[in-house]
Amino acid sequence: MGWVVLSELALALALALPSVALDNGLALTPPMGWMSWERFRCNVNCQQDPHNCISEKLFFEMADRLAADGWRDLGYKYINIDDCWSAKHRDAAGRLVSDPERFPSGIKALADYVHARGLKLGIYGDLGTLTCGGYPGTTLEHVKLDAQTFAEWGVDMLKLDGCYSSAEEQAEGYPEMAKALNATGRPIIYSCSWPAYQGGLPPKVNYTILAEICNLWRNYDDIEDSWDSVLSILDWFFANQDVLQPVAGPGHWNDPDMLIIGNFGLSYEQSRSQMALWTMMAAPLLMSNDLRTISPSAKEILQNRLMIRINQDPLGIQGRRIVKEKSHIEVFLRPLSQAASALVFFSRRTDMPYFYTTSLAKLQFPEDAMYEVQDVYSGKIISGLKTGDNFTVIINPSGVVMWYLYPTAHPAQPWHVAGQQAPSKDFSPVLL
């Protein structure tokens, strides 16, 4: 996407960086918005369930909520249609068409409605004979046509899944769709499911190539509405952080899948944990919930301004797990712009609140520095915290304490690496 010829100087700079995407100018921070899949799945029964079926009514109503309830102004701008929106067959010209009963106005009218509210529209496709839900897929001969169709409709993001296709077809089709989207002239964020179908790891997955063609990519399993699902995703991402962390950055993001906060499967503490840990991963913040009925507590978590500011940090460095305790406490760190940092203290315990004592020195912060700390959820400020000072945080079971730290004395780049890159793979977890 955005194919360019690099000058010798630009090439030298590119080679000095850990990963470089060919820049289409999009997704310079992780995309934020709403997506239908986890909450509404492939519910096409509009006779019995008109309020919750995959229809233009659902997306009109979610767009209204994004615009009216403060979401858009905080950055939640993408409203993304997932699977099961199309008719069961292409039209006579071979083009995809929306289901005439559930989307009678058509996707272009929906895009116009969304754009009029200051939002952007995402859509779903599948590089294969069928989508995962059994609707027409995008085979290789349809790649250019489908890209043109999406652009003509006014689509702003494409999620391209990979059901019913071979590894060889994916290796050809995902880059071809990048070229086809680029050729339309319309700026369309490109979300690839390619690595998830190849196990998510090298040597089958080449993240250098991915960063050149995709703005974000699904690496791992679909999220389900459960804490077990959240933990399985978390475990996989941080077990493989040495591979995954360096490849994320402005314009090219790892995607651990949707935020399920506000649904049925997470407690209050678990909801706070998902939001904090996704933010530490520099993950796209794509909610899948019912914004028409969301609880005040879930809304408060998702609309936390400091959390969003951290997620959207312009450096785009993905955080790492730096401590994994025998007491089932884990610590995650994300370097931020202006020498700031975010820390998350996470408890996997299920018994009672845990008093965890450490210091910034033990977490490898620079010596002789002093920080002001803001608790991201409570807003409480701690002033004058020195690197060598011991402190204690109280972490609820399956909960987090999240801090935003910025230096007030001896400003320093925390990791002593030019360009504020995150700790290298040689940076081992600290066992206290």
Protein backbone atom coordinates (compact mmCIF):
# COMPACT_ATOMS: atom_id res chain seq x y z
CA MET A 1 0.00 0.00 0.00
CA GLY A 2 1.32 3.42 -0.86
CA TRP A 3 4.17 2.05 -2.99
CA VAL A 4 7.10 4.45 -2.93
CA VAL A 5 10.69 4.60 -4.12
CA LEU A 6 13.03 5.28 -1.22
CA SER A 7 16.02 7.54 -1.59
CA GLU A 8 19.36 6.26 -0.35
CA LEU A 9 18.95 8.31 2.83
CA ALA A 10 15.41 7.11 3.44
CA LEU A 11 16.50 3.55 2.80
CA ALA A 12 19.30 3.89 5.34
CA LEU A 13 16.85 5.23 7.88
CA ALA A 14 14.41 2.43 7.11
CA LEU A 15 17.05 -0.23 7.63
CA ALA A 16 17.88 1.29 11.02
CA LEU A 17 14.32 0.78 12.28
CA PRO A 18 12.94 -2.52 13.60
CA SER A 19 10.02 -2.59 11.18
CA VAL A 20 8.88 -0.30 8.39
CA ALA A 21 5.50 -0.29 6.71
CA LEU A 22 4.93 1.09 3.25
CA ASP A 23 2.89 4.07 4.36
CA ASN A 24 -0.62 4.65 3.05
CA GLY A 25 -0.98 7.37 5.68
CA LEU A 26 -3.66 5.44 7.56
CA ALA A 27 -3.93 3.96 11.06
CA LEU A 28 -0.98 5.94 12.38
CA THR A 29 -2.54 5.21 15.76
CA PRO A 30 -4.60 2.08 16.49
CA PRO A 31 -8.07 2.34 14.93
CA MET A 32 -10.97 2.85 17.34
CA GLY A 33 -14.62 2.09 16.84
CA TRP A 34 -17.29 -0.57 16.95
CA MET A 35 -17.64 -3.97 15.24
CA SER A 36 -20.67 -6.22 15.05
CA TRP A 37 -19.25 -9.74 15.24
CA GLU A 38 -18.70 -10.83 18.84
CA ARG A 39 -21.96 -9.37 20.15
CA PHE A 40 -24.31 -9.96 17.19
CA ARG A 41 -22.54 -12.74 15.24
CA CYS A 42 -24.43 -13.97 12.15
CA ASN A 43 -27.92 -13.31 13.45
CA VAL A 44 -29.95 -12.88 10.26
CA ASN A 45 -33.35 -13.71 11.77
CA CYS A 46 -34.95 -10.30 11.42
CA GLN A 47 -38.46 -11.71 11.66
CA GLN A 48 -38.01 -13.00 15.22
CA ASP A 49 -35.24 -10.64 16.37
CA PRO A 50 -35.45 -7.38 14.42
CA HIS A 51 -33.69 -5.45 17.18
CA ASN A 52 -30.49 -7.53 17.07
CA CYS A 53 -30.20 -9.02 13.58
CA ILE A 54 -27.49 -8.02 11.11
CA SER A 55 -29.36 -5.30 9.23
CA GLU A 56 -28.99 -1.68 8.25
CA LYS A 57 -31.23 -0.77 11.21
CA LEU A 58 -28.62 -2.14 13.62
CA PHE A 59 -25.82 -0.11 12.02
CA PHE A 60 -27.92 3.06 11.75
CA GLU A 61 -28.66 2.80 15.46
CA MET A 62 -25.06 2.08 16.44
CA ALA A 63 -23.89 5.02 14.33
CA ASP A 64 -26.36 7.25 16.17
CA ARG A 65 -25.03 6.06 19.50
CA LEU A 66 -21.37 6.56 18.50
CA ALA A 67 -22.16 10.10 17.42
CA ALA A 68 -24.49 11.12 20.26
CA ASP A 69 -23.05 9.44 23.34
CA GLY A 70 -19.52 10.80 23.33
CA TRP A 71 -17.78 7.89 21.59
CA ARG A 72 -16.90 9.68 18.35
CA ASP A 73 -15.39 12.65 20.13
CA LEU A 74 -13.05 10.32 22.03
CA GLY A 75 -11.83 8.68 18.82
CA TYR A 76 -14.28 5.77 18.34
CA LYS A 77 -14.98 6.62 14.69
CA TYR A 78 -15.20 3.33 12.79
CA ILE A 79 -18.47 1.41 12.63
CA ASN A 80 -17.60 -1.96 11.15
CA ILE A 81 -19.94 -4.43 9.50
CA ASP A 82 -18.73 -7.99 9.96
CA ASP A 83 -19.88 -11.19 8.21
CA CYS A 84 -23.37 -12.00 6.91
CA TRP A 85 -24.26 -8.63 5.38
CA SER A 86 -24.39 -9.70 1.75
CA ALA A 87 -26.89 -11.50 -0.42
CA LYS A 88 -26.22 -15.19 -0.96
CA HIS A 89 -25.18 -14.59 -4.57
CA ARG A 90 -23.33 -11.94 -6.53
CA ASP A 91 -25.29 -9.90 -9.07
CA ALA A 92 -25.29 -10.47 -12.85
CA ALA A 93 -22.13 -8.37 -13.21
CA GLY A 94 -20.34 -10.45 -10.61
CA ARG A 95 -20.44 -7.75 -7.93
CA LEU A 96 -21.15 -8.24 -4.26
CA VAL A 97 -24.51 -6.87 -3.16
CA SER A 98 -26.06 -6.42 0.25
CA ASP A 99 -28.97 -8.57 1.35
CA PRO A 100 -32.00 -6.79 -0.15
CA GLU A 101 -34.29 -7.48 2.80
CA ARG A 102 -31.90 -6.66 5.62
CA PHE A 103 -30.04 -3.82 3.86
CA PRO A 104 -32.68 -2.43 1.48
CA SER A 105 -30.98 0.98 1.22
CA GLY A 106 -27.64 -0.55 0.19
CA ILE A 107 -24.17 -0.13 1.64
CA LYS A 108 -23.51 3.21 -0.06
CA ALA A 109 -26.53 4.73 1.67
CA LEU A 110 -25.30 3.32 4.97
CA ALA A 111 -21.85 4.80 4.33
CA ASP A 112 -23.42 8.17 3.58
CA TYR A 113 -25.41 7.99 6.82
CA VAL A 114 -22.28 7.12 8.79
CA HIS A 115 -20.18 9.83 7.13
CA ALA A 116 -22.84 12.46 7.82
CA ARG A 117 -22.33 11.79 11.53
CA GLY A 118 -18.57 12.27 11.37
CA LEU A 119 -17.90 8.53 11.41
CA LYS A 120 -16.29 6.01 9.06
CA LEU A 121 -17.62 2.71 7.73
CA GLY A 122 -15.84 -0.63 7.77
CA ILE A 123 -16.92 -3.76 5.92
CA TYR A 124 -16.06 -7.46 5.92
CA GLY A 125 -14.82 -9.67 3.12
CA ASP A 126 -13.24 -13.12 2.95
CA LEU A 127 -10.42 -14.25 0.72
CA GLY A 128 -11.96 -17.56 -0.27
CA THR A 129 -14.87 -19.23 -2.00
CA LEU A 130 -17.18 -18.40 0.92
CA THR A 131 -17.09 -16.20 3.99
CA CYS A 132 -16.88 -17.95 7.34
CA GLY A 133 -20.65 -17.52 7.61
CA GLY A 134 -21.31 -19.04 4.19
CA TYR A 135 -21.79 -15.89 2.10
CA PRO A 136 -19.99 -15.12 -1.18
CA GLY A 137 -16.24 -14.87 -0.72
CA THR A 138 -13.60 -12.99 -2.66
CA THR A 139 -11.76 -15.45 -4.85
CA LEU A 140 -8.60 -14.28 -6.60
CA GLU A 141 -10.43 -13.30 -9.77
CA HIS A 142 -12.76 -11.04 -7.75
CA VAL A 143 -10.12 -9.14 -5.76
CA LYS A 144 -9.95 -6.05 -8.01
CA LEU A 145 -13.70 -5.91 -8.55
CA ASP A 146 -14.47 -6.14 -4.86
CA ALA A 147 -11.92 -3.47 -3.98
CA GLN A 148 -13.49 -1.17 -6.57
CA THR A 149 -16.96 -1.94 -5.25
CA PHE A 150 -16.01 -1.14 -1.66
CA ALA A 151 -14.38 2.13 -2.74
CA GLU A 152 -17.43 3.15 -4.80
CA TRP A 153 -19.66 2.51 -1.79
CA GLY A 154 -17.52 4.80 0.37
CA VAL A 155 -16.02 2.14 2.62
CA ASP A 156 -13.18 3.31 4.91
CA MET A 157 -11.90 -0.02 6.31
CA LEU A 158 -11.82 -3.59 5.03
CA LYS A 159 -11.45 -6.65 7.22
CA LEU A 160 -10.43 -9.52 4.95
CA ASP A 161 -10.93 -12.93 6.54
CA GLY A 162 -9.48 -16.21 5.29
CA CYS A 163 -12.05 -19.01 5.50
CA TYR A 164 -12.24 -21.45 2.58
CA SER A 165 -8.88 -20.58 1.03
CA SER A 166 -5.52 -22.31 0.84
CA ALA A 167 -2.19 -21.03 2.12
CA GLU A 168 -1.13 -20.49 -1.50
CA GLU A 169 -4.26 -18.48 -2.30
CA GLN A 170 -3.74 -16.37 0.81
CA ALA A 171 -0.10 -15.71 -0.07
CA GLU A 172 -1.23 -14.35 -3.43
CA GLY A 173 -4.54 -12.79 -2.47
CA TYR A 174 -3.70 -10.71 0.59
CA PRO A 175 -0.97 -8.69 -1.18
CA GLU A 176 -3.17 -8.44 -4.29
CA MET A 177 -5.98 -6.89 -2.26
CA ALA A 178 -3.51 -4.35 -0.84
CA LYS A 179 -2.58 -3.31 -4.38
CA ALA A 180 -6.22 -3.27 -5.47
CA LEU A 181 -7.31 -1.08 -2.56
CA ASN A 182 -4.40 1.26 -3.22
CA ALA A 183 -5.35 1.47 -6.90
CA THR A 184 -8.87 2.71 -6.10
CA GLY A 185 -7.47 5.99 -4.82
CA ARG A 186 -9.74 5.85 -1.79
CA PRO A 187 -8.05 5.67 1.63
CA ILE A 188 -9.18 2.32 3.07
CA ILE A 189 -7.61 0.82 6.18
CA TYR A 190 -6.72 -2.81 5.47
CA SER A 191 -7.18 -5.39 8.22
CA CYS A 192 -5.78 -8.82 7.34
CA SER A 193 -6.64 -12.12 8.99
CA TRP A 194 -3.79 -13.82 7.12
CA PRO A 195 -1.42 -14.58 10.05
CA ALA A 196 -4.22 -16.09 12.14
CA TYR A 197 -4.70 -18.76 9.47
CA GLN A 198 -0.97 -19.56 9.42
CA GLY A 199 -0.46 -19.98 13.17
CA GLY A 200 0.57 -16.39 13.83
CA LEU A 201 4.33 -17.04 14.06
CA PRO A 202 7.40 -17.33 11.83
CA PRO A 203 8.49 -19.03 9.71
CA LYS A 204 4.98 -19.44 8.27
CA VAL A 205 4.18 -15.78 8.99
CA ASN A 206 6.47 -13.11 7.57
CA TYR A 207 5.76 -9.95 9.56
CA THR A 208 8.04 -7.86 7.36
CA ILE A 209 5.76 -8.58 4.41
CA LEU A 210 2.64 -8.06 6.53
CA ALA A 211 3.79 -4.61 7.64
CA GLU A 212 4.24 -3.67 4.00
CA ILE A 213 0.70 -4.56 2.94
CA CYS A 214 -1.62 -4.42 5.98
CA ASN A 215 -2.51 -1.72 8.51
CA LEU A 216 -3.51 -4.27 11.13
CA TRP A 217 -3.74 -8.01 11.29
CA ARG A 218 -5.40 -10.70 13.34
CA ASN A 219 -2.68 -12.96 14.75
CA TYR A 220 -4.65 -15.41 16.84
CA ASP A 221 -8.05 -16.92 17.70
CA ASP A 222 -11.38 -15.10 17.71
CA ILE A 223 -12.33 -13.64 21.05
CA GLU A 224 -15.34 -15.10 22.84
CA ASP A 225 -17.44 -13.50 25.57
CA SER A 226 -15.48 -15.01 28.47
CA TRP A 227 -12.57 -14.30 30.77
CA ASP A 228 -10.95 -17.57 29.70
CA SER A 229 -10.90 -16.29 26.12
CA VAL A 230 -9.34 -12.99 27.16
CA LEU A 231 -6.66 -14.85 29.14
CA SER A 232 -5.88 -17.23 26.28
CA ILE A 233 -5.30 -14.30 23.92
CA LEU A 234 -3.23 -12.49 26.53
CA ASP A 235 -1.12 -15.58 27.20
CA TRP A 236 -0.40 -16.15 23.51
CA PHE A 237 0.52 -12.54 22.79
CA PHE A 238 2.91 -12.15 25.70
CA ALA A 239 4.41 -15.63 25.39
CA ASN A 240 5.36 -14.53 21.87
CA GLN A 241 6.12 -10.89 22.61
CA ASP A 242 9.70 -11.12 21.34
CA VAL A 243 8.29 -11.79 17.87
CA LEU A 244 5.17 -9.62 18.00
CA GLN A 245 6.24 -6.51 19.90
CA PRO A 246 8.87 -5.23 17.43
CA VAL A 247 6.58 -5.47 14.39
CA ALA A 248 3.88 -3.12 15.69
CA GLY A 249 4.00 0.60 15.08
CA PRO A 250 2.30 3.52 13.33
CA GLY A 251 0.38 2.17 10.35
CA HIS A 252 0.82 -1.53 11.21
CA TRP A 253 -0.66 -3.09 14.34
CA ASN A 254 -1.10 -6.47 15.97
CA ASP A 255 -4.82 -7.04 16.59
CA PRO A 256 -5.77 -9.27 19.56
CA ASP A 257 -9.45 -8.87 18.53
CA MET A 258 -12.44 -6.99 19.88
CA LEU A 259 -13.20 -5.44 23.24
CA ILE A 260 -16.05 -7.40 24.85
CA ILE A 261 -16.58 -4.94 27.71
CA GLY A 262 -20.29 -4.34 28.29
CA ASN A 263 -21.47 -7.82 27.33
CA PHE A 264 -22.15 -10.83 29.56
CA GLY A 265 -18.86 -12.64 30.16
CA LEU A 266 -16.63 -10.24 32.09
CA SER A 267 -16.87 -8.93 35.62
CA TYR A 268 -16.18 -5.29 36.39
CA GLU A 269 -12.57 -6.04 37.35
CA GLN A 270 -12.04 -8.22 34.27
CA SER A 271 -13.47 -5.47 32.06
CA ARG A 272 -10.99 -2.97 33.48
CA SER A 273 -8.23 -5.51 32.89
CA GLN A 274 -9.10 -6.10 29.24
CA MET A 275 -9.15 -2.36 28.54
CA ALA A 276 -5.81 -1.78 30.27
CA LEU A 277 -4.04 -4.75 28.73
CA TRP A 278 -5.31 -4.05 25.19
CA THR A 279 -4.07 -0.49 25.64
CA MET A 280 -0.65 -1.77 26.70
CA MET A 281 -0.56 -3.90 23.54
CA ALA A 282 -1.22 -0.82 21.38
CA ALA A 283 -4.23 -2.77 20.14
CA PRO A 284 -7.05 -1.42 18.00
CA LEU A 285 -9.94 -0.51 20.29
CA LEU A 286 -12.87 -2.02 18.41
CA MET A 287 -15.79 -2.60 20.75
CA SER A 288 -18.32 -5.33 20.11
CA ASN A 289 -21.24 -4.67 22.42
CA ASP A 290 -24.68 -3.08 22.41
CA LEU A 291 -24.19 0.67 22.69
CA ARG A 292 -27.95 1.12 23.02
CA THR A 293 -28.05 -0.63 26.39
CA ILE A 294 -24.46 -0.47 27.69
CA SER A 295 -24.10 -0.02 31.45
CA PRO A 296 -22.69 3.20 32.93
CA SER A 297 -19.76 1.28 34.45
CA ALA A 298 -18.78 -0.34 31.13
CA LYS A 299 -19.13 2.99 29.36
CA GLU A 300 -16.90 4.65 31.96
CA ILE A 301 -14.16 2.06 31.38
CA LEU A 302 -14.32 2.38 27.60
CA GLN A 303 -14.45 6.19 27.68
CA ASN A 304 -11.52 6.69 30.05
CA ARG A 305 -9.72 9.66 28.49
CA LEU A 306 -6.26 8.96 29.88
CA MET A 307 -6.52 5.31 28.82
CA ILE A 308 -7.39 6.36 25.27
CA ARG A 309 -4.55 8.88 25.26
CA ILE A 310 -2.12 6.11 26.19
CA ASN A 311 -3.54 3.74 23.58
CA GLN A 312 -3.23 6.44 20.94
CA ASP A 313 0.31 7.49 21.86
CA PRO A 314 1.97 8.67 18.62
CA LEU A 315 5.14 6.63 19.11
CA GLY A 316 3.05 3.49 18.72
CA ILE A 317 5.35 1.24 20.74
CA GLN A 318 3.69 -1.98 21.87
CA GLY A 319 4.22 -2.79 25.54
CA ARG A 320 5.84 -5.86 27.04
CA ARG A 321 5.39 -8.06 30.08
CA ILE A 322 8.47 -7.39 32.21
CA VAL A 323 7.60 -9.27 35.42
CA LYS A 324 5.87 -12.60 35.98
CA GLU A 325 5.69 -13.44 39.69
CA LYS A 326 5.19 -16.75 41.46
CA SER A 327 2.45 -14.92 43.36
CA HIS A 328 0.51 -14.64 40.04
CA ILE A 329 1.14 -10.93 39.72
CA GLU A 330 2.39 -9.68 36.38
CA VAL A 331 3.74 -6.27 35.38
CA PHE A 332 3.52 -4.77 31.90
CA LEU A 333 5.31 -1.70 30.63
CA ARG A 334 4.76 0.50 27.59
CA PRO A 335 7.15 3.35 26.69
CA LEU A 336 5.33 6.51 25.59
CA SER A 337 6.23 9.80 23.96
CA GLN A 338 7.95 12.58 25.93
CA ALA A 339 9.78 10.03 28.09
CA ALA A 340 6.51 8.97 29.76
CA SER A 341 5.55 5.37 30.46
CA ALA A 342 2.51 3.26 31.32
CA LEU A 343 2.64 0.44 33.86
CA VAL A 344 -0.01 -2.19 34.48
CA PHE A 345 0.03 -4.40 37.59
CA PHE A 346 -2.21 -7.37 36.83
CA SER A 347 -3.44 -10.06 39.22
CA ARG A 348 -4.30 -13.55 38.03
CA ARG A 349 -5.29 -14.44 41.57
CA THR A 350 -8.84 -15.50 42.41
CA ASP A 351 -8.77 -15.25 46.19
CA MET A 352 -8.53 -11.69 47.53
CA PRO A 353 -6.91 -8.30 46.88
CA TYR A 354 -3.13 -8.60 46.82
CA PHE A 355 -0.66 -6.09 48.28
CA TYR A 356 2.22 -5.94 45.79
CA THR A 357 5.39 -4.09 46.74
CA THR A 358 8.13 -3.12 44.32
CA SER A 359 10.05 -0.07 43.08
CA LEU A 360 10.71 1.56 39.75
CA ALA A 361 14.34 0.56 40.15
CA LYS A 362 13.33 -3.10 40.24
CA LEU A 363 11.33 -2.44 37.06
CA GLN A 364 14.49 -1.18 35.32
CA PHE A 365 13.63 2.53 35.30
CA PRO A 366 16.65 4.86 35.10
CA GLU A 367 18.46 5.70 38.32
CA ASP A 368 18.08 9.02 40.12
CA ALA A 369 14.91 9.98 38.28
CA MET A 370 11.71 11.29 39.85
CA TYR A 371 8.22 10.78 38.50
CA GLU A 372 4.72 12.06 38.83
CA VAL A 373 2.29 9.16 38.67
CA GLN A 374 -1.39 9.23 37.80
CA ASP A 375 -3.60 6.22 38.47
CA VAL A 376 -5.41 5.78 35.15
CA TYR A 377 -8.67 4.56 36.67
CA SER A 378 -8.92 6.48 39.96
CA GLY A 379 -7.19 9.64 38.78
CA LYS A 380 -5.14 9.78 42.00
CA ILE A 381 -1.80 11.58 41.67
CA ILE A 382 1.43 10.49 43.35
CA SER A 383 4.07 13.23 43.18
CA GLY A 384 7.81 12.89 43.67
CA LEU A 385 8.13 9.13 43.28
CA LYS A 386 11.84 8.37 43.05
CA THR A 387 13.20 5.38 41.18
CA GLY A 388 14.51 3.81 44.37
CA ASP A 389 11.34 4.32 46.44
CA ASN A 390 9.41 1.20 47.39
CA PHE A 391 5.66 1.43 46.82
CA THR A 392 2.70 -0.90 47.27
CA VAL A 393 -0.29 -1.31 44.97
CA ILE A 394 -3.43 -3.22 45.95
CA ILE A 395 -4.66 -5.32 43.03
CA ASN A 396 -8.08 -6.98 43.07
CA PRO A 397 -8.49 -10.57 41.82
CA SER A 398 -8.39 -10.67 38.00
CA GLY A 399 -7.95 -6.90 38.18
CA VAL A 400 -5.38 -4.27 37.40
CA VAL A 401 -3.79 -1.14 38.74
CA MET A 402 -2.63 1.05 35.85
CA TRP A 403 -0.24 3.98 36.13
CA TYR A 404 0.77 6.77 33.80
CA LEU A 405 4.24 8.04 34.72
CA TYR A 406 6.18 11.04 33.49
CA PRO A 407 9.54 12.31 34.72
CA THR A 408 9.72 15.52 36.74
CA ALA A 409 13.46 15.35 37.46
CA HIS A 410 16.31 14.07 35.32
CA PRO A 411 14.10 13.53 32.25
CA ALA A 412 15.41 10.51 30.47
CA GLN A 413 14.42 8.05 27.83
CA PRO A 414 13.54 5.11 30.06
CA TRP A 415 15.18 2.44 27.94
CA HIS A 416 18.32 4.34 26.91
CA VAL A 417 17.62 3.57 23.28
CA ALA A 418 17.43 6.22 20.58
CA GLY A 419 13.95 6.72 19.20
CA GLN A 420 12.29 5.47 22.40
CA GLN A 421 12.15 1.89 21.26
CA ALA A 422 10.87 -0.65 23.75
CA PRO A 423 13.12 -3.07 25.64
CA SER A 424 14.82 -5.56 23.38
CA LYS A 425 14.21 -9.29 23.45
CA ASP A 426 17.28 -9.52 25.67
CA PHE A 427 15.39 -7.61 28.35
CA SER A 428 14.41 -10.47 30.65
CA PRO A 429 11.42 -10.46 33.01
CA VAL A 430 12.39 -9.46 36.53
CA LEU A 431 11.54 -12.02 39.19
CA LEU A 432 11.26 -10.22 42.50
